[in-house]
Amino acid sequence: MKIDSVAFSFAGDKYLGRPYSEMDCQGFVERCMRDCGFSKDLPGSNAWYREVMNNGWVGSPEDCLKEFGQIPKGALLFILKHDGGEESRGYHDGIGNASHIGFKTGRNDGAINSSSSRGCVATSKFQDKTIPNGGWNRVGLYKQFTYGKSVDWILDHGVDNPDHGGDDVHMKAIVVAESGDTVKLRQKPSTDCNMYWDIPVGTEVEVVDKREDWSKVITRGLTGWMMSEFLQFEDPIVPDPGQDDDDPDDEPGEAITITLSYADCANAYPLLRALCDLIEKEIGRG
């Protein structure tokens, strides 16, 4: 069962003022999910960040607006830092420390969360943009939610890339490096992007787009950008033309020839006439 994000966005209102000692940030979000009919128990906000990353989309508020045209009500919100906190919690994947979780409210207050600094469930500012100085800086769209047709479609199929060459051919590649055991897979094609995953050398990836010195790749359930110099390309993957998404009714069918004698035609005429009348009634003449 998927959660309606709008219903979820209001699910926390009844808990406003509930002490943090009774319900921390992760416990508050999971309680609201259960109230909407979905149950999942994870060990903390770091685990939730990785869960959404592997089963949805994460990025800055600005990237979310660019990719989806909106930040939907009920979108999960995180505070992500690269402060080593992930390692103290047992994560050694280079993703960063998601130290806090909340979600976008259905009202105009911005975010709602169980705040340790305020000691209770409370609202905070968000305004669909990155809040500096330790505020919300990551949006998570989880595939267990339904956000509306346009957002759900992009989550399921990906964003159309205007820089894509148009040829529906993907390439296999292997991650290589002259030094080091891993290569950074970044969320955006820039070395300034501090949102990245460390991908081990030797990992097979699927390249789905290229932009100057960068390649967009899919591997291990992750999608991101890697510098092309760290990829050793193999044979292209050409989709089977028989497996496309076109309506099968648009494809020409196999021609069938039937030979009838004069007597057969005379006997079959009333049936054929009735069949033609039925077809004309259902789909029109022509």
C-alpha atoms as a PDB file:
ATOM      1  CA  MET A   1       0.000   0.000   0.000  1.00  0.00           C
ATOM      2  CA  LYS A   2       1.309   3.436  -0.949  1.00  0.00           C
ATOM      3  CA  ILE A   3       0.925   6.485   1.276  1.00  0.00           C
ATOM      4  CA  ASP A   4      -0.937   9.523  -0.040  1.00  0.00           C
ATOM      5  CA  SER A   5       1.590  12.296   0.481  1.00  0.00           C
ATOM      6  CA  VAL A   6      -1.043  14.973   1.083  1.00  0.00           C
ATOM      7  CA  ALA A   7      -2.684  12.950   3.856  1.00  0.00           C
ATOM      8  CA  PHE A   8       0.763  12.257   5.310  1.00  0.00           C
ATOM      9  CA  SER A   9       1.613  15.975   5.252  1.00  0.00           C
ATOM     10  CA  PHE A  10      -1.140  16.612   7.816  1.00  0.00           C
ATOM     11  CA  ALA A  11      -0.584  13.435   9.853  1.00  0.00           C
ATOM     12  CA  GLY A  12       1.841  15.097  12.259  1.00  0.00           C
ATOM     13  CA  ASP A  13      -0.451  17.947  13.327  1.00  0.00           C
ATOM     14  CA  LYS A  14      -2.070  15.971  16.159  1.00  0.00           C
ATOM     15  CA  TYR A  15       1.376  15.318  17.673  1.00  0.00           C
ATOM     16  CA  LEU A  16       2.436  18.978  17.921  1.00  0.00           C
ATOM     17  CA  GLY A  17       3.875  19.530  21.376  1.00  0.00           C
ATOM     18  CA  ARG A  18       4.481  15.811  22.028  1.00  0.00           C
ATOM     19  CA  PRO A  19       7.744  15.555  24.044  1.00  0.00           C
ATOM     20  CA  TYR A  20      10.890  14.512  22.181  1.00  0.00           C
ATOM     21  CA  SER A  21      11.569  12.007  24.964  1.00  0.00           C
ATOM     22  CA  GLU A  22       8.453  10.100  23.862  1.00  0.00           C
ATOM     23  CA  MET A  23       9.088  10.303  20.125  1.00  0.00           C
ATOM     24  CA  ASP A  24      12.403  11.245  18.486  1.00  0.00           C
ATOM     25  CA  CYS A  25      12.670  12.457  14.877  1.00  0.00           C
ATOM     26  CA  GLN A  26      12.718   8.992  13.303  1.00  0.00           C
ATOM     27  CA  GLY A  27      10.026   7.690  15.641  1.00  0.00           C
ATOM     28  CA  PHE A  28       7.787  10.647  14.818  1.00  0.00           C
ATOM     29  CA  VAL A  29       8.061  10.109  11.043  1.00  0.00           C
ATOM     30  CA  GLU A  30       7.420   6.378  11.369  1.00  0.00           C
ATOM     31  CA  ARG A  31       4.401   7.007  13.644  1.00  0.00           C
ATOM     32  CA  CYS A  32       2.902   9.323  11.019  1.00  0.00           C
ATOM     33  CA  MET A  33       3.528   6.683   8.343  1.00  0.00           C
ATOM     34  CA  ARG A  34       1.761   4.049  10.437  1.00  0.00           C
ATOM     35  CA  ASP A  35      -1.169   6.398  10.884  1.00  0.00           C
ATOM     36  CA  CYS A  36      -1.415   6.486   7.075  1.00  0.00           C
ATOM     37  CA  GLY A  37      -1.293   2.701   6.747  1.00  0.00           C
ATOM     38  CA  PHE A  38       2.402   2.030   6.059  1.00  0.00           C
ATOM     39  CA  SER A  39       4.800   0.497   8.544  1.00  0.00           C
ATOM     40  CA  LYS A  40       8.603   0.384   8.403  1.00  0.00           C
ATOM     41  CA  ASP A  41      10.962   0.378  11.372  1.00  0.00           C
ATOM     42  CA  LEU A  42      14.509   1.585  10.638  1.00  0.00           C
ATOM     43  CA  PRO A  43      17.271   2.345  13.156  1.00  0.00           C
ATOM     44  CA  GLY A  44      17.470   6.098  12.524  1.00  0.00           C
ATOM     45  CA  SER A  45      17.530   9.062  10.160  1.00  0.00           C
ATOM     46  CA  ASN A  46      20.746   7.817   8.509  1.00  0.00           C
ATOM     47  CA  ALA A  47      19.033   4.546   7.667  1.00  0.00           C
ATOM     48  CA  TRP A  48      16.000   6.407   6.339  1.00  0.00           C
ATOM     49  CA  TYR A  49      18.178   8.590   4.127  1.00  0.00           C
ATOM     50  CA  ARG A  50      19.745   5.529   2.549  1.00  0.00           C
ATOM     51  CA  GLU A  51      16.388   3.774   2.257  1.00  0.00           C
ATOM     52  CA  VAL A  52      14.943   6.688   0.274  1.00  0.00           C
ATOM     53  CA  MET A  53      18.114   7.019  -1.789  1.00  0.00           C
ATOM     54  CA  ASN A  54      17.844   3.379  -2.862  1.00  0.00           C
ATOM     55  CA  ASN A  55      14.066   3.436  -3.331  1.00  0.00           C
ATOM     56  CA  GLY A  56      13.309   6.897  -4.597  1.00  0.00           C
ATOM     57  CA  TRP A  57      15.129  10.196  -5.119  1.00  0.00           C
ATOM     58  CA  VAL A  58      17.170  12.523  -2.898  1.00  0.00           C
ATOM     59  CA  GLY A  59      18.643  15.920  -3.666  1.00  0.00           C
ATOM     60  CA  SER A  60      18.682  19.553  -2.637  1.00  0.00           C
ATOM     61  CA  PRO A  61      15.407  21.498  -2.548  1.00  0.00           C
ATOM     62  CA  GLU A  62      16.594  23.455  -5.566  1.00  0.00           C
ATOM     63  CA  ASP A  63      17.323  20.242  -7.491  1.00  0.00           C
ATOM     64  CA  CYS A  64      13.896  18.874  -6.564  1.00  0.00           C
ATOM     65  CA  LEU A  65      12.198  21.971  -7.996  1.00  0.00           C
ATOM     66  CA  LYS A  66      14.283  21.654 -11.149  1.00  0.00           C
ATOM     67  CA  GLU A  67      13.685  17.922 -11.654  1.00  0.00           C
ATOM     68  CA  PHE A  68      10.038  17.627 -10.581  1.00  0.00           C
ATOM     69  CA  GLY A  69       8.733  21.178 -10.851  1.00  0.00           C
ATOM     70  CA  GLN A  70       7.669  21.169  -7.197  1.00  0.00           C
ATOM     71  CA  ILE A  71       8.459  19.948  -3.716  1.00  0.00           C
ATOM     72  CA  PRO A  72       5.347  17.907  -2.945  1.00  0.00           C
ATOM     73  CA  LYS A  73       3.508  18.056   0.347  1.00  0.00           C
ATOM     74  CA  GLY A  74       4.656  15.181   2.507  1.00  0.00           C
ATOM     75  CA  ALA A  75       8.158  15.070   0.977  1.00  0.00           C
ATOM     76  CA  LEU A  76      10.709  13.795   3.488  1.00  0.00           C
ATOM     77  CA  LEU A  77      13.304  16.342   4.622  1.00  0.00           C
ATOM     78  CA  PHE A  78      16.812  15.677   5.921  1.00  0.00           C
ATOM     79  CA  ILE A  79      19.745  17.560   7.354  1.00  0.00           C
ATOM     80  CA  LEU A  80      22.827  16.034   5.712  1.00  0.00           C
ATOM     81  CA  LYS A  81      26.365  16.759   6.854  1.00  0.00           C
ATOM     82  CA  HIS A  82      29.792  15.417   5.961  1.00  0.00           C
ATOM     83  CA  ASP A  83      31.096  15.561   9.518  1.00  0.00           C
ATOM     84  CA  GLY A  84      32.082  11.948  10.130  1.00  0.00           C
ATOM     85  CA  GLY A  85      28.895  11.244  12.037  1.00  0.00           C
ATOM     86  CA  GLU A  86      27.960   8.474   9.633  1.00  0.00           C
ATOM     87  CA  GLU A  87      31.022   6.461  10.692  1.00  0.00           C
ATOM     88  CA  SER A  88      30.166   6.708  14.377  1.00  0.00           C
ATOM     89  CA  ARG A  89      26.815   5.206  13.441  1.00  0.00           C
ATOM     90  CA  GLY A  90      28.393   2.366  11.511  1.00  0.00           C
ATOM     91  CA  TYR A  91      28.092   3.732   7.956  1.00  0.00           C
ATOM     92  CA  HIS A  92      31.255   3.792   5.867  1.00  0.00           C
ATOM     93  CA  ASP A  93      29.809   4.494   2.425  1.00  0.00           C
ATOM     94  CA  GLY A  94      30.847   8.135   1.978  1.00  0.00           C
ATOM     95  CA  ILE A  95      27.237   9.330   1.655  1.00  0.00           C
ATOM     96  CA  GLY A  96      27.274  11.558   4.710  1.00  0.00           C
ATOM     97  CA  ASN A  97      25.566  11.897   8.052  1.00  0.00           C
ATOM     98  CA  ALA A  98      21.792  12.431   7.805  1.00  0.00           C
ATOM     99  CA  SER A  99      21.479  13.676  11.357  1.00  0.00           C
ATOM    100  CA  HIS A 100      17.787  14.629  11.287  1.00  0.00           C
ATOM    101  CA  ILE A 101      14.522  13.785   9.483  1.00  0.00           C
ATOM    102  CA  GLY A 102      11.152  15.506   9.141  1.00  0.00           C
ATOM    103  CA  PHE A 103       8.718  16.210   6.329  1.00  0.00           C
ATOM    104  CA  LYS A 104       7.003  19.039   4.478  1.00  0.00           C
ATOM    105  CA  THR A 105       3.668  19.986   6.006  1.00  0.00           C
ATOM    106  CA  GLY A 106       0.392  20.474   4.191  1.00  0.00           C
ATOM    107  CA  ARG A 107       0.150  23.952   5.653  1.00  0.00           C
ATOM    108  CA  ASN A 108       2.386  26.966   5.100  1.00  0.00           C
ATOM    109  CA  ASP A 109       4.639  26.378   8.097  1.00  0.00           C
ATOM    110  CA  GLY A 110       7.251  24.585   6.007  1.00  0.00           C
ATOM    111  CA  ALA A 111       8.474  21.509   7.879  1.00  0.00           C
ATOM    112  CA  ILE A 112       7.342  19.458  10.846  1.00  0.00           C
ATOM    113  CA  ASN A 113       9.670  17.350  12.986  1.00  0.00           C
ATOM    114  CA  SER A 114      10.374  16.093  16.454  1.00  0.00           C
ATOM    115  CA  SER A 115      13.069  18.536  17.533  1.00  0.00           C
ATOM    116  CA  SER A 116      15.608  17.730  20.213  1.00  0.00           C
ATOM    117  CA  SER A 117      16.560  21.418  20.578  1.00  0.00           C
ATOM    118  CA  ARG A 118      12.923  22.445  21.146  1.00  0.00           C
ATOM    119  CA  GLY A 119      12.139  19.305  23.083  1.00  0.00           C
ATOM    120  CA  CYS A 120       8.958  18.384  21.227  1.00  0.00           C
ATOM    121  CA  VAL A 121       7.200  17.944  17.894  1.00  0.00           C
ATOM    122  CA  ALA A 122       7.199  21.365  16.260  1.00  0.00           C
ATOM    123  CA  THR A 123       7.157  23.155  12.924  1.00  0.00           C
ATOM    124  CA  SER A 124      10.122  24.897  11.338  1.00  0.00           C
ATOM    125  CA  LYS A 125      10.799  27.054   8.291  1.00  0.00           C
ATOM    126  CA  PHE A 126      11.521  25.485   4.942  1.00  0.00           C
ATOM    127  CA  GLN A 127       9.996  27.554   2.099  1.00  0.00           C
ATOM    128  CA  ASP A 128      11.108  25.075  -0.599  1.00  0.00           C
ATOM    129  CA  LYS A 129      14.746  26.132  -0.470  1.00  0.00           C
ATOM    130  CA  THR A 130      17.929  25.085   1.290  1.00  0.00           C
ATOM    131  CA  ILE A 131      18.112  26.490   4.782  1.00  0.00           C
ATOM    132  CA  PRO A 132      21.722  27.458   5.565  1.00  0.00           C
ATOM    133  CA  ASN A 133      23.617  26.933   8.793  1.00  0.00           C
ATOM    134  CA  GLY A 134      22.548  23.381   9.503  1.00  0.00           C
ATOM    135  CA  GLY A 135      18.941  23.528   8.301  1.00  0.00           C
ATOM    136  CA  TRP A 136      17.057  21.283   5.887  1.00  0.00           C
ATOM    137  CA  ASN A 137      19.259  20.716   2.849  1.00  0.00           C
ATOM    138  CA  ARG A 138      17.965  17.455   1.335  1.00  0.00           C
ATOM    139  CA  VAL A 139      14.565  16.413   0.008  1.00  0.00           C
ATOM    140  CA  GLY A 140      13.595  12.745  -0.248  1.00  0.00           C
ATOM    141  CA  LEU A 141      10.830  11.411  -2.501  1.00  0.00           C
ATOM    142  CA  TYR A 142      10.088   7.843  -1.450  1.00  0.00           C
ATOM    143  CA  LYS A 143       8.537   5.357  -3.864  1.00  0.00           C
ATOM    144  CA  GLN A 144       6.216   4.126  -1.108  1.00  0.00           C
ATOM    145  CA  PHE A 145       4.402   7.470  -1.440  1.00  0.00           C
ATOM    146  CA  THR A 146       2.183   8.716  -4.211  1.00  0.00           C
ATOM    147  CA  TYR A 147       2.825  12.400  -4.970  1.00  0.00           C
ATOM    148  CA  GLY A 148       0.594  12.863  -8.011  1.00  0.00           C
ATOM    149  CA  LYS A 149       0.806  11.583 -11.566  1.00  0.00           C
ATOM    150  CA  SER A 150       3.598  13.832 -12.845  1.00  0.00           C
ATOM    151  CA  VAL A 151       5.953  13.306  -9.901  1.00  0.00           C
ATOM    152  CA  ASP A 152       5.202   9.576  -9.688  1.00  0.00           C
ATOM    153  CA  TRP A 153       5.914   9.135 -13.400  1.00  0.00           C
ATOM    154  CA  ILE A 154       9.308  10.828 -13.107  1.00  0.00           C
ATOM    155  CA  LEU A 155      10.165   8.720 -10.056  1.00  0.00           C
ATOM    156  CA  ASP A 156       9.336   5.549 -11.991  1.00  0.00           C
ATOM    157  CA  HIS A 157      10.822   6.459 -15.376  1.00  0.00           C
ATOM    158  CA  GLY A 158      13.415   9.170 -14.777  1.00  0.00           C
ATOM    159  CA  VAL A 159      13.605  12.732 -16.034  1.00  0.00           C
ATOM    160  CA  ASP A 160      13.812  13.351 -19.782  1.00  0.00           C
ATOM    161  CA  ASN A 161      17.291  14.769 -20.396  1.00  0.00           C
ATOM    162  CA  PRO A 162      17.429  17.486 -23.079  1.00  0.00           C
ATOM    163  CA  ASP A 163      21.140  16.796 -23.541  1.00  0.00           C
ATOM    164  CA  HIS A 164      20.534  13.165 -24.452  1.00  0.00           C
ATOM    165  CA  GLY A 165      21.523  12.404 -28.027  1.00  0.00           C
ATOM    166  CA  GLY A 166      18.277  10.593 -28.748  1.00  0.00           C
ATOM    167  CA  ASP A 167      19.792   7.203 -29.620  1.00  0.00           C
ATOM    168  CA  ASP A 168      18.247   4.590 -27.343  1.00  0.00           C
ATOM    169  CA  VAL A 169      21.543   2.804 -26.821  1.00  0.00           C
ATOM    170  CA  HIS A 170      23.139   2.277 -23.428  1.00  0.00           C
ATOM    171  CA  MET A 171      26.736   1.257 -22.825  1.00  0.00           C
ATOM    172  CA  LYS A 172      28.238  -1.126 -20.302  1.00  0.00           C
ATOM    173  CA  ALA A 173      31.406  -0.004 -18.587  1.00  0.00           C
ATOM    174  CA  ILE A 174      33.741  -1.034 -15.781  1.00  0.00           C
ATOM    175  CA  VAL A 175      34.959   1.406 -13.118  1.00  0.00           C
ATOM    176  CA  VAL A 176      38.737   1.753 -13.359  1.00  0.00           C
ATOM    177  CA  ALA A 177      41.375   3.886 -11.641  1.00  0.00           C
ATOM    178  CA  GLU A 178      45.155   3.988 -11.669  1.00  0.00           C
ATOM    179  CA  SER A 179      45.200   4.706  -7.945  1.00  0.00           C
ATOM    180  CA  GLY A 180      42.694   4.159  -5.167  1.00  0.00           C
ATOM    181  CA  ASP A 181      40.073   1.513  -4.532  1.00  0.00           C
ATOM    182  CA  THR A 182      36.977   3.620  -5.262  1.00  0.00           C
ATOM    183  CA  VAL A 183      35.709   6.306  -7.647  1.00  0.00           C
ATOM    184  CA  LYS A 184      33.167   8.972  -6.724  1.00  0.00           C
ATOM    185  CA  LEU A 185      29.689   8.739  -8.246  1.00  0.00           C
ATOM    186  CA  ARG A 186      28.287  12.249  -7.846  1.00  0.00           C
ATOM    187  CA  GLN A 187      24.680  13.345  -7.947  1.00  0.00           C
ATOM    188  CA  LYS A 188      25.531  16.133 -10.412  1.00  0.00           C
ATOM    189  CA  PRO A 189      28.262  16.330 -13.101  1.00  0.00           C
ATOM    190  CA  SER A 190      30.588  18.567 -11.122  1.00  0.00           C
ATOM    191  CA  THR A 191      33.536  18.045  -8.791  1.00  0.00           C
ATOM    192  CA  ASP A 192      31.969  20.733  -6.593  1.00  0.00           C
ATOM    193  CA  CYS A 193      29.004  18.446  -5.880  1.00  0.00           C
ATOM    194  CA  ASN A 194      29.465  17.117  -2.326  1.00  0.00           C
ATOM    195  CA  MET A 195      26.696  14.545  -2.701  1.00  0.00           C
ATOM    196  CA  TYR A 196      28.443  11.360  -3.825  1.00  0.00           C
ATOM    197  CA  TRP A 197      28.867   7.625  -3.337  1.00  0.00           C
ATOM    198  CA  ASP A 198      32.186   5.730  -3.378  1.00  0.00           C
ATOM    199  CA  ILE A 199      31.968   3.002  -6.039  1.00  0.00           C
ATOM    200  CA  PRO A 200      34.589   0.229  -5.872  1.00  0.00           C
ATOM    201  CA  VAL A 201      36.967  -0.208  -8.807  1.00  0.00           C
ATOM    202  CA  GLY A 202      35.855  -3.133 -10.959  1.00  0.00           C
ATOM    203  CA  THR A 203      32.128  -2.428 -10.535  1.00  0.00           C
ATOM    204  CA  GLU A 204      30.045  -2.833 -13.699  1.00  0.00           C
ATOM    205  CA  VAL A 205      27.865   0.178 -14.539  1.00  0.00           C
ATOM    206  CA  GLU A 206      25.373   1.070 -17.249  1.00  0.00           C
ATOM    207  CA  VAL A 207      26.042   4.403 -18.971  1.00  0.00           C
ATOM    208  CA  VAL A 208      22.819   6.127 -20.014  1.00  0.00           C
ATOM    209  CA  ASP A 209      24.011   9.622 -20.933  1.00  0.00           C
ATOM    210  CA  LYS A 210      27.135  11.694 -21.528  1.00  0.00           C
ATOM    211  CA  ARG A 211      27.920  15.359 -20.962  1.00  0.00           C
ATOM    212  CA  GLU A 212      31.369  16.659 -21.847  1.00  0.00           C
ATOM    213  CA  ASP A 213      33.823  14.837 -19.506  1.00  0.00           C
ATOM    214  CA  TRP A 214      31.062  13.139 -17.503  1.00  0.00           C
ATOM    215  CA  SER A 215      28.949  10.002 -17.901  1.00  0.00           C
ATOM    216  CA  LYS A 216      25.600   9.375 -16.245  1.00  0.00           C
ATOM    217  CA  VAL A 217      25.582   5.819 -14.916  1.00  0.00           C
ATOM    218  CA  ILE A 218      23.327   3.373 -13.087  1.00  0.00           C
ATOM    219  CA  THR A 219      24.817   0.862 -10.675  1.00  0.00           C
ATOM    220  CA  ARG A 220      23.789  -0.843  -7.433  1.00  0.00           C
ATOM    221  CA  GLY A 221      20.402   0.880  -7.529  1.00  0.00           C
ATOM    222  CA  LEU A 222      22.079   4.303  -7.683  1.00  0.00           C
ATOM    223  CA  THR A 223      22.026   6.851 -10.513  1.00  0.00           C
ATOM    224  CA  GLY A 224      24.646   9.582 -10.738  1.00  0.00           C
ATOM    225  CA  TRP A 225      27.534  11.111 -12.680  1.00  0.00           C
ATOM    226  CA  MET A 226      31.086   9.809 -12.942  1.00  0.00           C
ATOM    227  CA  MET A 227      34.024  11.271 -14.827  1.00  0.00           C
ATOM    228  CA  SER A 228      34.358   9.333 -18.081  1.00  0.00           C
ATOM    229  CA  GLU A 229      38.103   8.869 -17.603  1.00  0.00           C
ATOM    230  CA  PHE A 230      37.303   6.356 -14.842  1.00  0.00           C
ATOM    231  CA  LEU A 231      35.187   4.159 -17.138  1.00  0.00           C
ATOM    232  CA  GLN A 232      36.320   1.376 -19.441  1.00  0.00           C
ATOM    233  CA  PHE A 233      33.595   0.908 -22.031  1.00  0.00           C
ATOM    234  CA  GLU A 234      32.300  -2.402 -23.348  1.00  0.00           C
ATOM    235  CA  ASP A 235      29.705  -3.322 -25.958  1.00  0.00           C
ATOM    236  CA  PRO A 236      26.536  -1.234 -26.306  1.00  0.00           C
ATOM    237  CA  ILE A 237      23.238  -2.483 -24.926  1.00  0.00           C
ATOM    238  CA  VAL A 238      20.645  -2.081 -27.675  1.00  0.00           C
ATOM    239  CA  PRO A 239      17.050  -2.495 -26.476  1.00  0.00           C
ATOM    240  CA  ASP A 240      15.050  -5.295 -28.056  1.00  0.00           C
ATOM    241  CA  PRO A 241      12.690  -3.564 -30.520  1.00  0.00           C
ATOM    242  CA  GLY A 242      10.050  -6.091 -29.591  1.00  0.00           C
ATOM    243  CA  GLN A 243      10.075  -4.874 -25.979  1.00  0.00           C
ATOM    244  CA  ASP A 244       9.214  -1.197 -26.471  1.00  0.00           C
ATOM    245  CA  ASP A 245       6.364   0.646 -24.834  1.00  0.00           C
ATOM    246  CA  ASP A 246       4.416   1.401 -27.993  1.00  0.00           C
ATOM    247  CA  ASP A 247       0.795   0.375 -28.202  1.00  0.00           C
ATOM    248  CA  PRO A 248       0.761  -3.107 -29.774  1.00  0.00           C
ATOM    249  CA  ASP A 249      -2.437  -2.146 -31.601  1.00  0.00           C
ATOM    250  CA  ASP A 250      -0.378   0.341 -33.612  1.00  0.00           C
ATOM    251  CA  GLU A 251       1.754  -2.413 -35.090  1.00  0.00           C
ATOM    252  CA  PRO A 252       0.633  -4.068 -38.368  1.00  0.00           C
ATOM    253  CA  GLY A 253      -0.653  -7.599 -37.825  1.00  0.00           C
ATOM    254  CA  GLU A 254       0.066 -10.682 -39.877  1.00  0.00           C
ATOM    255  CA  ALA A 255      -2.015 -10.859 -43.084  1.00  0.00           C
ATOM    256  CA  ILE A 256      -4.431 -13.798 -43.311  1.00  0.00           C
ATOM    257  CA  THR A 257      -5.766 -15.122 -46.632  1.00  0.00           C
ATOM    258  CA  ILE A 258      -8.967 -17.177 -46.794  1.00  0.00           C
ATOM    259  CA  THR A 259     -10.140 -18.861 -49.991  1.00  0.00           C
ATOM    260  CA  LEU A 260     -13.874 -19.580 -50.313  1.00  0.00           C
ATOM    261  CA  SER A 261     -15.886 -21.311 -53.032  1.00  0.00           C
ATOM    262  CA  TYR A 262     -18.995 -19.673 -54.592  1.00  0.00           C
ATOM    263  CA  ALA A 263     -21.257 -21.832 -52.444  1.00  0.00           C
ATOM    264  CA  ASP A 264     -19.275 -20.973 -49.346  1.00  0.00           C
ATOM    265  CA  CYS A 265     -19.592 -17.256 -50.137  1.00  0.00           C
ATOM    266  CA  ALA A 266     -23.352 -17.525 -50.616  1.00  0.00           C
ATOM    267  CA  ASN A 267     -23.754 -19.313 -47.304  1.00  0.00           C
ATOM    268  CA  ALA A 268     -21.335 -17.018 -45.469  1.00  0.00           C
ATOM    269  CA  TYR A 269     -22.716 -13.710 -46.785  1.00  0.00           C
ATOM    270  CA  PRO A 270     -25.353 -13.152 -44.054  1.00  0.00           C
ATOM    271  CA  LEU A 271     -22.788 -13.822 -41.320  1.00  0.00           C
ATOM    272  CA  LEU A 272     -20.183 -11.552 -42.928  1.00  0.00           C
ATOM    273  CA  ARG A 273     -22.761  -8.791 -43.400  1.00  0.00           C
ATOM    274  CA  ALA A 274     -23.752  -8.975 -39.739  1.00  0.00           C
ATOM    275  CA  LEU A 275     -20.076  -8.920 -38.734  1.00  0.00           C
ATOM    276  CA  CYS A 276     -19.410  -5.824 -40.874  1.00  0.00           C
ATOM    277  CA  ASP A 277     -22.441  -4.062 -39.366  1.00  0.00           C
ATOM    278  CA  LEU A 278     -21.141  -4.830 -35.853  1.00  0.00           C
ATOM    279  CA  ILE A 279     -17.656  -3.523 -36.659  1.00  0.00           C
ATOM    280  CA  GLU A 280     -19.090  -0.358 -38.196  1.00  0.00           C
ATOM    281  CA  LYS A 281     -21.194   0.201 -35.088  1.00  0.00           C
ATOM    282  CA  GLU A 282     -18.226  -0.270 -32.723  1.00  0.00           C
ATOM    283  CA  ILE A 283     -15.388   1.563 -34.513  1.00  0.00           C
ATOM    284  CA  GLY A 284     -16.982   3.350 -37.475  1.00  0.00           C
ATOM    285  CA  ARG A 285     -16.684   2.925 -41.199  1.00  0.00           C
ATOM    286  CA  GLY A 286     -13.362   3.037 -43.040  1.00  0.00           C
END
